[in-house]
């Protein structure tokens, strides 16, 4: 799993998921990590296969799309000042108030699956997500993440 300080956006104020996705796509584009097809592919996939996940501590989301839209591997982490609603993974009518979003950028299907598995394992550690969310800033929490990487 690839976490990096350059792939963190902290204290974000957005009102909608579309604003959030545009912000993420802009950042990833600036880092030359995605193709021009990334944003529409991300939006389309999230509508068909929602990624909101209510953990025991906070709501998170793990938006991603087909690796064909990605140039470089990494995970963009965004902490929101105010939660925004995401559709619950595997549900058509349940909403999750999401506070941290992990945009998975994978250039291959196997890497994407591995990233998903590792994130889900990290989310099951209640203290980890709580510590990350309550950290002074996400840069401080990076050391926590590095301790969880495999």
N, C-alpha and C. Protein backbone atom coordinates (compact mmCIF):
# COMPACT_ATOMS: atom_id res chain seq x y z
N UNK A 1 0.85 -1.17 0.00
CA UNK A 1 0.00 0.00 0.00
C UNK A 1 0.90 1.23 0.00
N UNK A 2 0.50 2.23 -0.76
CA UNK A 2 1.34 3.40 -0.92
C UNK A 2 0.69 4.62 -0.29
N UNK A 3 1.22 5.05 0.85
CA UNK A 3 0.82 6.31 1.46
C UNK A 3 1.98 7.26 1.32
N UNK A 4 1.67 8.52 1.10
CA UNK A 4 2.71 9.53 0.92
C UNK A 4 2.18 10.88 1.36
N UNK A 5 3.06 11.72 1.88
CA UNK A 5 2.63 13.06 2.30
C UNK A 5 2.06 13.86 1.13
N UNK A 6 2.59 13.63 -0.06
CA UNK A 6 2.07 14.38 -1.21
C UNK A 6 0.66 13.91 -1.60
N UNK A 7 0.22 12.78 -1.04
CA UNK A 7 -1.11 12.26 -1.35
C UNK A 7 -2.07 12.44 -0.17
N UNK A 8 -1.93 13.56 0.51
CA UNK A 8 -2.82 13.89 1.62
C UNK A 8 -3.42 15.26 1.37
N UNK A 9 -4.72 15.35 1.55
CA UNK A 9 -5.40 16.64 1.55
C UNK A 9 -6.17 16.70 2.87
N UNK A 10 -5.80 17.65 3.71
CA UNK A 10 -6.37 17.71 5.06
C UNK A 10 -7.27 18.94 5.21
N UNK A 11 -8.21 18.81 6.15
CA UNK A 11 -9.12 19.92 6.48
C UNK A 11 -9.87 20.44 5.26
N UNK A 12 -10.50 19.53 4.56
CA UNK A 12 -11.23 19.87 3.33
C UNK A 12 -12.67 20.22 3.66
N UNK A 13 -13.13 21.32 3.07
CA UNK A 13 -14.53 21.72 3.20
C UNK A 13 -15.19 21.62 1.84
N UNK A 14 -16.00 20.60 1.67
CA UNK A 14 -16.80 20.44 0.45
C UNK A 14 -18.23 20.14 0.88
N UNK A 15 -19.14 20.43 0.00
CA UNK A 15 -20.55 20.20 0.31
C UNK A 15 -21.09 18.91 -0.30
N UNK A 16 -20.46 18.49 -1.42
CA UNK A 16 -21.00 17.32 -2.12
C UNK A 16 -19.88 16.35 -2.50
N UNK A 17 -20.30 15.17 -2.82
CA UNK A 17 -19.37 14.15 -3.30
C UNK A 17 -18.75 14.58 -4.63
N UNK A 18 -19.52 15.22 -5.49
CA UNK A 18 -18.97 15.69 -6.78
C UNK A 18 -17.86 16.71 -6.55
N UNK A 19 -18.03 17.63 -5.63
CA UNK A 19 -16.97 18.59 -5.31
C UNK A 19 -15.72 17.85 -4.82
N UNK A 20 -15.93 16.86 -3.97
CA UNK A 20 -14.82 16.07 -3.45
C UNK A 20 -14.10 15.33 -4.57
N UNK A 21 -14.86 14.70 -5.45
CA UNK A 21 -14.25 13.94 -6.55
C UNK A 21 -13.48 14.87 -7.49
N UNK A 22 -14.02 16.06 -7.75
CA UNK A 22 -13.30 17.03 -8.59
C UNK A 22 -11.99 17.46 -7.93
N UNK A 23 -12.03 17.70 -6.63
CA UNK A 23 -10.83 18.08 -5.89
C UNK A 23 -9.77 16.97 -5.96
N UNK A 24 -10.21 15.74 -5.75
CA UNK A 24 -9.27 14.61 -5.79
C UNK A 24 -8.68 14.45 -7.19
N UNK A 25 -9.51 14.55 -8.20
CA UNK A 25 -9.04 14.39 -9.59
C UNK A 25 -8.04 15.49 -9.94
N UNK A 26 -8.30 16.71 -9.46
CA UNK A 26 -7.38 17.82 -9.73
C UNK A 26 -6.02 17.53 -9.10
N UNK A 27 -6.02 17.09 -7.85
CA UNK A 27 -4.76 16.79 -7.15
C UNK A 27 -4.01 15.66 -7.85
N UNK A 28 -4.72 14.59 -8.17
CA UNK A 28 -4.08 13.44 -8.81
C UNK A 28 -3.59 13.78 -10.21
N UNK A 29 -4.29 14.67 -10.90
CA UNK A 29 -3.87 15.12 -12.22
C UNK A 29 -2.59 15.95 -12.12
N UNK A 30 -2.53 16.83 -11.12
CA UNK A 30 -1.33 17.64 -10.90
C UNK A 30 -0.11 16.75 -10.64
N UNK A 31 -0.34 15.62 -10.00
CA UNK A 31 0.75 14.68 -9.71
C UNK A 31 0.99 13.70 -10.85
N UNK A 32 0.24 13.89 -11.95
CA UNK A 32 0.36 13.06 -13.15
C UNK A 32 0.15 11.58 -12.83
N UNK A 33 -0.84 11.31 -11.97
CA UNK A 33 -1.12 9.93 -11.56
C UNK A 33 -2.30 9.32 -12.30
N UNK A 34 -3.08 10.16 -13.01
CA UNK A 34 -4.30 9.65 -13.63
C UNK A 34 -4.41 10.12 -15.07
N UNK A 35 -5.27 9.43 -15.81
CA UNK A 35 -5.60 9.85 -17.17
C UNK A 35 -6.80 10.80 -17.13
N UNK A 36 -7.07 11.46 -18.24
CA UNK A 36 -8.24 12.35 -18.32
C UNK A 36 -9.55 11.60 -18.10
N UNK A 37 -9.54 10.32 -18.30
CA UNK A 37 -10.75 9.50 -18.15
C UNK A 37 -11.06 9.19 -16.68
N UNK A 38 -10.16 9.52 -15.77
CA UNK A 38 -10.30 9.12 -14.36
C UNK A 38 -11.59 9.64 -13.72
N UNK A 39 -11.82 10.95 -13.78
CA UNK A 39 -12.96 11.53 -13.06
C UNK A 39 -14.30 10.95 -13.52
N UNK A 40 -14.59 10.94 -14.83
CA UNK A 40 -15.89 10.34 -15.21
C UNK A 40 -15.96 8.85 -14.85
N UNK A 41 -14.85 8.13 -14.95
CA UNK A 41 -14.85 6.71 -14.59
C UNK A 41 -15.10 6.54 -13.09
N UNK A 42 -14.50 7.41 -12.28
CA UNK A 42 -14.68 7.35 -10.82
C UNK A 42 -16.15 7.63 -10.46
N UNK A 43 -16.71 8.67 -11.06
CA UNK A 43 -18.11 9.03 -10.77
C UNK A 43 -19.06 7.91 -11.19
N UNK A 44 -18.82 7.34 -12.37
CA UNK A 44 -19.69 6.28 -12.87
C UNK A 44 -19.61 5.05 -11.97
N UNK A 45 -18.40 4.68 -11.58
CA UNK A 45 -18.25 3.49 -10.74
C UNK A 45 -18.89 3.68 -9.37
N UNK A 46 -18.73 4.88 -8.78
CA UNK A 46 -19.30 5.13 -7.46
C UNK A 46 -20.83 5.04 -7.50
N UNK A 47 -21.43 5.46 -8.61
CA UNK A 47 -22.89 5.35 -8.71
C UNK A 47 -23.33 3.90 -8.81
N UNK A 48 -22.55 3.08 -9.51
CA UNK A 48 -22.91 1.67 -9.69
C UNK A 48 -22.50 0.80 -8.51
N UNK A 49 -21.33 1.12 -7.94
CA UNK A 49 -20.78 0.32 -6.84
C UNK A 49 -20.31 1.26 -5.74
N UNK A 50 -21.25 1.71 -4.89
CA UNK A 50 -20.90 2.68 -3.84
C UNK A 50 -19.86 2.12 -2.87
N UNK A 51 -19.08 3.04 -2.29
CA UNK A 51 -17.95 2.62 -1.45
C UNK A 51 -17.99 3.17 -0.03
N UNK A 52 -19.10 3.73 0.40
CA UNK A 52 -19.21 4.20 1.78
C UNK A 52 -19.18 3.01 2.74
N UNK A 53 -18.50 3.19 3.86
CA UNK A 53 -18.37 2.09 4.81
C UNK A 53 -18.42 2.66 6.22
N UNK A 54 -19.42 2.25 6.99
CA UNK A 54 -19.51 2.68 8.38
C UNK A 54 -18.70 1.72 9.24
N UNK A 55 -17.60 2.20 9.79
CA UNK A 55 -16.82 1.35 10.70
C UNK A 55 -17.39 1.55 12.11
N UNK A 56 -16.81 0.91 13.09
CA UNK A 56 -17.28 1.09 14.46
C UNK A 56 -17.03 2.50 14.97
N UNK A 57 -16.03 3.18 14.37
CA UNK A 57 -15.67 4.52 14.87
C UNK A 57 -16.14 5.65 13.97
N UNK A 58 -15.89 5.58 12.67
CA UNK A 58 -16.26 6.67 11.77
C UNK A 58 -16.66 6.11 10.41
N UNK A 59 -17.28 6.98 9.61
CA UNK A 59 -17.60 6.61 8.24
C UNK A 59 -16.42 6.91 7.33
N UNK A 60 -16.10 5.97 6.47
CA UNK A 60 -15.02 6.14 5.50
C UNK A 60 -15.54 5.76 4.12
N UNK A 61 -14.80 6.12 3.09
CA UNK A 61 -15.14 5.70 1.73
C UNK A 61 -13.85 5.37 1.01
N UNK A 62 -13.94 4.46 0.06
CA UNK A 62 -12.76 4.02 -0.69
C UNK A 62 -13.06 4.05 -2.20
N UNK A 63 -13.29 5.24 -2.75
CA UNK A 63 -13.59 5.34 -4.18
C UNK A 63 -12.41 4.88 -5.03
N UNK A 64 -12.72 4.21 -6.10
CA UNK A 64 -11.71 3.76 -7.05
C UNK A 64 -12.39 3.44 -8.37
N UNK A 65 -11.59 3.26 -9.39
CA UNK A 65 -12.15 2.92 -10.70
C UNK A 65 -11.21 1.96 -11.41
N UNK A 66 -11.56 1.61 -12.61
CA UNK A 66 -10.76 0.67 -13.39
C UNK A 66 -9.32 1.17 -13.50
N UNK A 67 -8.34 0.30 -13.27
CA UNK A 67 -6.93 0.69 -13.34
C UNK A 67 -6.52 1.30 -14.68
N UNK A 68 -7.27 1.09 -15.74
CA UNK A 68 -6.93 1.66 -17.04
C UNK A 68 -6.91 3.19 -16.99
N UNK A 69 -7.58 3.77 -15.99
CA UNK A 69 -7.65 5.23 -15.84
C UNK A 69 -6.53 5.81 -14.97
N UNK A 70 -5.63 4.94 -14.52
CA UNK A 70 -4.60 5.34 -13.57
C UNK A 70 -3.21 5.14 -14.18
N UNK A 71 -2.30 6.11 -13.94
CA UNK A 71 -0.93 6.02 -14.45
C UNK A 71 0.07 5.56 -13.39
N UNK A 72 -0.18 5.96 -12.12
CA UNK A 72 0.75 5.64 -11.02
C UNK A 72 -0.04 5.14 -9.82
N UNK A 73 0.57 4.23 -9.06
CA UNK A 73 -0.07 3.69 -7.86
C UNK A 73 0.06 4.65 -6.69
N UNK A 74 -0.96 4.65 -5.85
CA UNK A 74 -0.95 5.47 -4.64
C UNK A 74 -2.35 5.56 -4.05
N UNK A 75 -2.43 6.08 -2.86
CA UNK A 75 -3.73 6.28 -2.21
C UNK A 75 -3.80 7.72 -1.73
N UNK A 76 -4.72 8.48 -2.31
CA UNK A 76 -4.95 9.86 -1.89
C UNK A 76 -5.89 9.82 -0.69
N UNK A 77 -5.46 10.41 0.42
CA UNK A 77 -6.26 10.42 1.64
C UNK A 77 -6.78 11.83 1.87
N UNK A 78 -8.08 11.96 2.06
CA UNK A 78 -8.71 13.26 2.28
C UNK A 78 -9.50 13.20 3.58
N UNK A 79 -9.19 14.12 4.49
CA UNK A 79 -9.97 14.24 5.73
C UNK A 79 -10.88 15.45 5.59
N UNK A 80 -12.15 15.23 5.82
CA UNK A 80 -13.16 16.27 5.65
C UNK A 80 -13.44 17.00 6.96
N UNK A 81 -13.62 18.32 6.86
CA UNK A 81 -14.00 19.10 8.04
C UNK A 81 -15.42 18.77 8.49
N UNK A 82 -16.27 18.49 7.52
CA UNK A 82 -17.67 18.17 7.80
C UNK A 82 -18.02 16.93 6.98
N UNK A 83 -18.61 15.92 7.61
CA UNK A 83 -18.92 14.70 6.86
C UNK A 83 -19.87 14.96 5.68
N UNK A 84 -19.70 14.17 4.64
CA UNK A 84 -20.64 14.21 3.52
C UNK A 84 -21.19 12.80 3.31
N UNK A 85 -22.42 12.72 2.82
CA UNK A 85 -23.03 11.39 2.67
C UNK A 85 -22.52 10.63 1.46
N UNK A 86 -22.24 9.37 1.67
CA UNK A 86 -21.91 8.41 0.62
C UNK A 86 -22.94 7.28 0.73
N UNK A 87 -23.19 6.64 -0.37
CA UNK A 87 -24.03 5.44 -0.35
C UNK A 87 -23.23 4.31 0.30
N UNK A 88 -23.89 3.56 1.17
CA UNK A 88 -23.25 2.42 1.84
C UNK A 88 -22.86 1.35 0.82
N UNK A 89 -21.68 0.83 0.94
CA UNK A 89 -21.21 -0.26 0.10
C UNK A 89 -22.21 -1.42 0.18
N UNK A 90 -22.65 -1.93 -0.96
CA UNK A 90 -23.55 -3.07 -0.99
C UNK A 90 -24.99 -2.74 -0.67
N UNK A 91 -25.34 -1.44 -0.63
CA UNK A 91 -26.71 -1.04 -0.31
C UNK A 91 -27.19 0.00 -1.32
N UNK A 92 -28.47 0.00 -1.58
CA UNK A 92 -29.00 1.01 -2.50
C UNK A 92 -29.73 2.13 -1.77
N UNK A 93 -29.93 1.98 -0.45
CA UNK A 93 -30.71 3.00 0.25
C UNK A 93 -30.13 3.46 1.58
N UNK A 94 -28.97 2.97 1.98
CA UNK A 94 -28.38 3.37 3.25
C UNK A 94 -27.24 4.35 3.00
N UNK A 95 -27.25 5.46 3.73
CA UNK A 95 -26.21 6.48 3.61
C UNK A 95 -25.22 6.36 4.78
N UNK A 96 -23.99 6.75 4.50
CA UNK A 96 -22.93 6.79 5.51
C UNK A 96 -22.38 8.21 5.52
N UNK A 97 -22.27 8.80 6.71
CA UNK A 97 -21.65 10.12 6.84
C UNK A 97 -20.14 9.92 6.89
N UNK A 98 -19.46 10.25 5.82
CA UNK A 98 -18.04 9.94 5.64
C UNK A 98 -17.17 11.11 6.09
N UNK A 99 -16.11 10.77 6.87
CA UNK A 99 -15.17 11.78 7.37
C UNK A 99 -13.78 11.66 6.76
N UNK A 100 -13.40 10.46 6.36
CA UNK A 100 -12.10 10.25 5.72
C UNK A 100 -12.33 9.45 4.44
N UNK A 101 -11.69 9.89 3.35
CA UNK A 101 -11.87 9.24 2.05
C UNK A 101 -10.50 8.77 1.56
N UNK A 102 -10.43 7.52 1.16
CA UNK A 102 -9.21 6.91 0.63
C UNK A 102 -9.43 6.63 -0.86
N UNK A 103 -8.87 7.48 -1.72
CA UNK A 103 -8.99 7.29 -3.17
C UNK A 103 -7.89 6.33 -3.60
N UNK A 104 -8.27 5.13 -3.95
CA UNK A 104 -7.29 4.12 -4.36
C UNK A 104 -6.96 4.32 -5.83
N UNK A 105 -5.68 4.51 -6.11
CA UNK A 105 -5.19 4.60 -7.48
C UNK A 105 -4.27 3.40 -7.71
N UNK A 106 -4.73 2.50 -8.53
CA UNK A 106 -3.95 1.30 -8.81
C UNK A 106 -3.85 1.11 -10.31
N UNK A 107 -2.66 0.73 -10.76
CA UNK A 107 -2.45 0.51 -12.18
C UNK A 107 -2.76 -0.92 -12.60
N UNK A 108 -3.04 -1.77 -11.64
CA UNK A 108 -3.37 -3.15 -11.95
C UNK A 108 -4.46 -3.68 -11.03
N UNK A 109 -5.23 -4.63 -11.52
CA UNK A 109 -6.34 -5.18 -10.74
C UNK A 109 -5.86 -5.88 -9.48
N UNK A 110 -4.75 -6.59 -9.55
CA UNK A 110 -4.25 -7.29 -8.37
C UNK A 110 -3.81 -6.30 -7.29
N UNK A 111 -3.15 -5.22 -7.70
CA UNK A 111 -2.73 -4.20 -6.74
C UNK A 111 -3.95 -3.52 -6.11
N UNK A 112 -4.96 -3.27 -6.92
CA UNK A 112 -6.18 -2.64 -6.40
C UNK A 112 -6.84 -3.55 -5.36
N UNK A 113 -6.94 -4.81 -5.65
CA UNK A 113 -7.54 -5.77 -4.71
C UNK A 113 -6.72 -5.84 -3.43
N UNK A 114 -5.41 -5.85 -3.57
CA UNK A 114 -4.54 -5.89 -2.40
C UNK A 114 -4.73 -4.62 -1.54
N UNK A 115 -4.80 -3.46 -2.20
CA UNK A 115 -5.02 -2.20 -1.46
C UNK A 115 -6.36 -2.23 -0.73
N UNK A 116 -7.40 -2.72 -1.39
CA UNK A 116 -8.71 -2.82 -0.76
C UNK A 116 -8.65 -3.72 0.48
N UNK A 117 -8.03 -4.87 0.34
CA UNK A 117 -7.93 -5.80 1.47
C UNK A 117 -7.17 -5.17 2.65
N UNK A 118 -6.07 -4.50 2.35
CA UNK A 118 -5.27 -3.91 3.42
C UNK A 118 -6.02 -2.76 4.10
N UNK A 119 -6.72 -1.95 3.31
CA UNK A 119 -7.50 -0.87 3.93
C UNK A 119 -8.61 -1.43 4.81
N UNK A 120 -9.32 -2.42 4.33
CA UNK A 120 -10.39 -3.02 5.12
C UNK A 120 -9.82 -3.59 6.42
N UNK A 121 -8.67 -4.22 6.36
CA UNK A 121 -8.03 -4.75 7.58
C UNK A 121 -7.69 -3.61 8.53
N UNK A 122 -7.19 -2.49 7.99
CA UNK A 122 -6.87 -1.34 8.84
C UNK A 122 -8.13 -0.76 9.46
N UNK A 123 -9.23 -0.75 8.73
CA UNK A 123 -10.48 -0.18 9.23
C UNK A 123 -11.04 -1.01 10.39
N UNK A 124 -10.67 -2.27 10.46
CA UNK A 124 -11.18 -3.12 11.54
C UNK A 124 -10.47 -2.84 12.87
N UNK A 125 -9.38 -2.09 12.80
CA UNK A 125 -8.67 -1.68 14.01
C UNK A 125 -9.31 -0.37 14.48
N UNK A 126 -10.22 -0.47 15.44
CA UNK A 126 -10.99 0.70 15.88
C UNK A 126 -10.10 1.85 16.35
N UNK A 127 -9.06 1.54 17.08
CA UNK A 127 -8.22 2.61 17.59
C UNK A 127 -7.43 3.29 16.48
N UNK A 128 -7.07 2.54 15.46
CA UNK A 128 -6.30 3.13 14.36
C UNK A 128 -7.09 4.25 13.68
N UNK A 129 -8.32 3.98 13.24
CA UNK A 129 -9.11 5.01 12.56
C UNK A 129 -9.40 6.18 13.48
N UNK A 130 -9.69 5.89 14.74
CA UNK A 130 -9.96 6.95 15.71
C UNK A 130 -8.71 7.82 15.88
N UNK A 131 -7.57 7.18 16.02
CA UNK A 131 -6.30 7.92 16.16
C UNK A 131 -6.02 8.78 14.93
N UNK A 132 -6.25 8.21 13.76
CA UNK A 132 -6.00 8.95 12.52
C UNK A 132 -6.94 10.15 12.43
N UNK A 133 -8.22 9.93 12.71
CA UNK A 133 -9.18 11.02 12.57
C UNK A 133 -8.94 12.12 13.60
N UNK A 134 -8.52 11.74 14.80
CA UNK A 134 -8.34 12.74 15.86
C UNK A 134 -6.93 13.32 15.89
N UNK A 135 -6.07 12.89 15.00
CA UNK A 135 -4.71 13.43 14.98
C UNK A 135 -4.77 14.92 14.66
N UNK A 136 -3.75 15.64 15.10
CA UNK A 136 -3.72 17.08 14.87
C UNK A 136 -3.84 17.38 13.38
N UNK A 137 -3.12 16.63 12.61
CA UNK A 137 -3.29 16.70 11.16
C UNK A 137 -2.88 15.36 10.56
N UNK A 138 -3.23 15.16 9.31
CA UNK A 138 -2.97 13.86 8.70
C UNK A 138 -1.48 13.60 8.49
N UNK A 139 -0.69 14.65 8.41
CA UNK A 139 0.75 14.45 8.27
C UNK A 139 1.30 13.77 9.53
N UNK A 140 0.77 14.16 10.70
CA UNK A 140 1.18 13.51 11.94
C UNK A 140 0.78 12.03 11.94
N UNK A 141 -0.38 11.76 11.37
CA UNK A 141 -0.89 10.40 11.37
C UNK A 141 -0.15 9.50 10.39
N UNK A 142 0.62 10.08 9.50
CA UNK A 142 1.34 9.28 8.51
C UNK A 142 2.21 8.22 9.19
N UNK A 143 2.79 8.55 10.32
CA UNK A 143 3.63 7.56 11.00
C UNK A 143 2.78 6.38 11.48
N UNK A 144 1.52 6.64 11.86
CA UNK A 144 0.63 5.54 12.24
C UNK A 144 0.38 4.63 11.04
N UNK A 145 0.14 5.25 9.89
CA UNK A 145 -0.14 4.46 8.68
C UNK A 145 1.06 3.64 8.28
N UNK A 146 2.23 4.25 8.35
CA UNK A 146 3.42 3.51 7.93
C UNK A 146 3.62 2.27 8.81
N UNK A 147 3.21 2.37 10.07
CA UNK A 147 3.31 1.22 10.95
C UNK A 147 2.34 0.11 10.60
N UNK A 148 1.28 0.45 9.84
CA UNK A 148 0.28 -0.54 9.45
C UNK A 148 0.54 -1.13 8.07
N UNK A 149 1.42 -0.50 7.29
CA UNK A 149 1.68 -0.98 5.94
C UNK A 149 2.38 -2.33 5.98
N UNK A 150 2.08 -3.12 4.98
CA UNK A 150 2.72 -4.45 4.87
C UNK A 150 3.72 -4.44 3.75
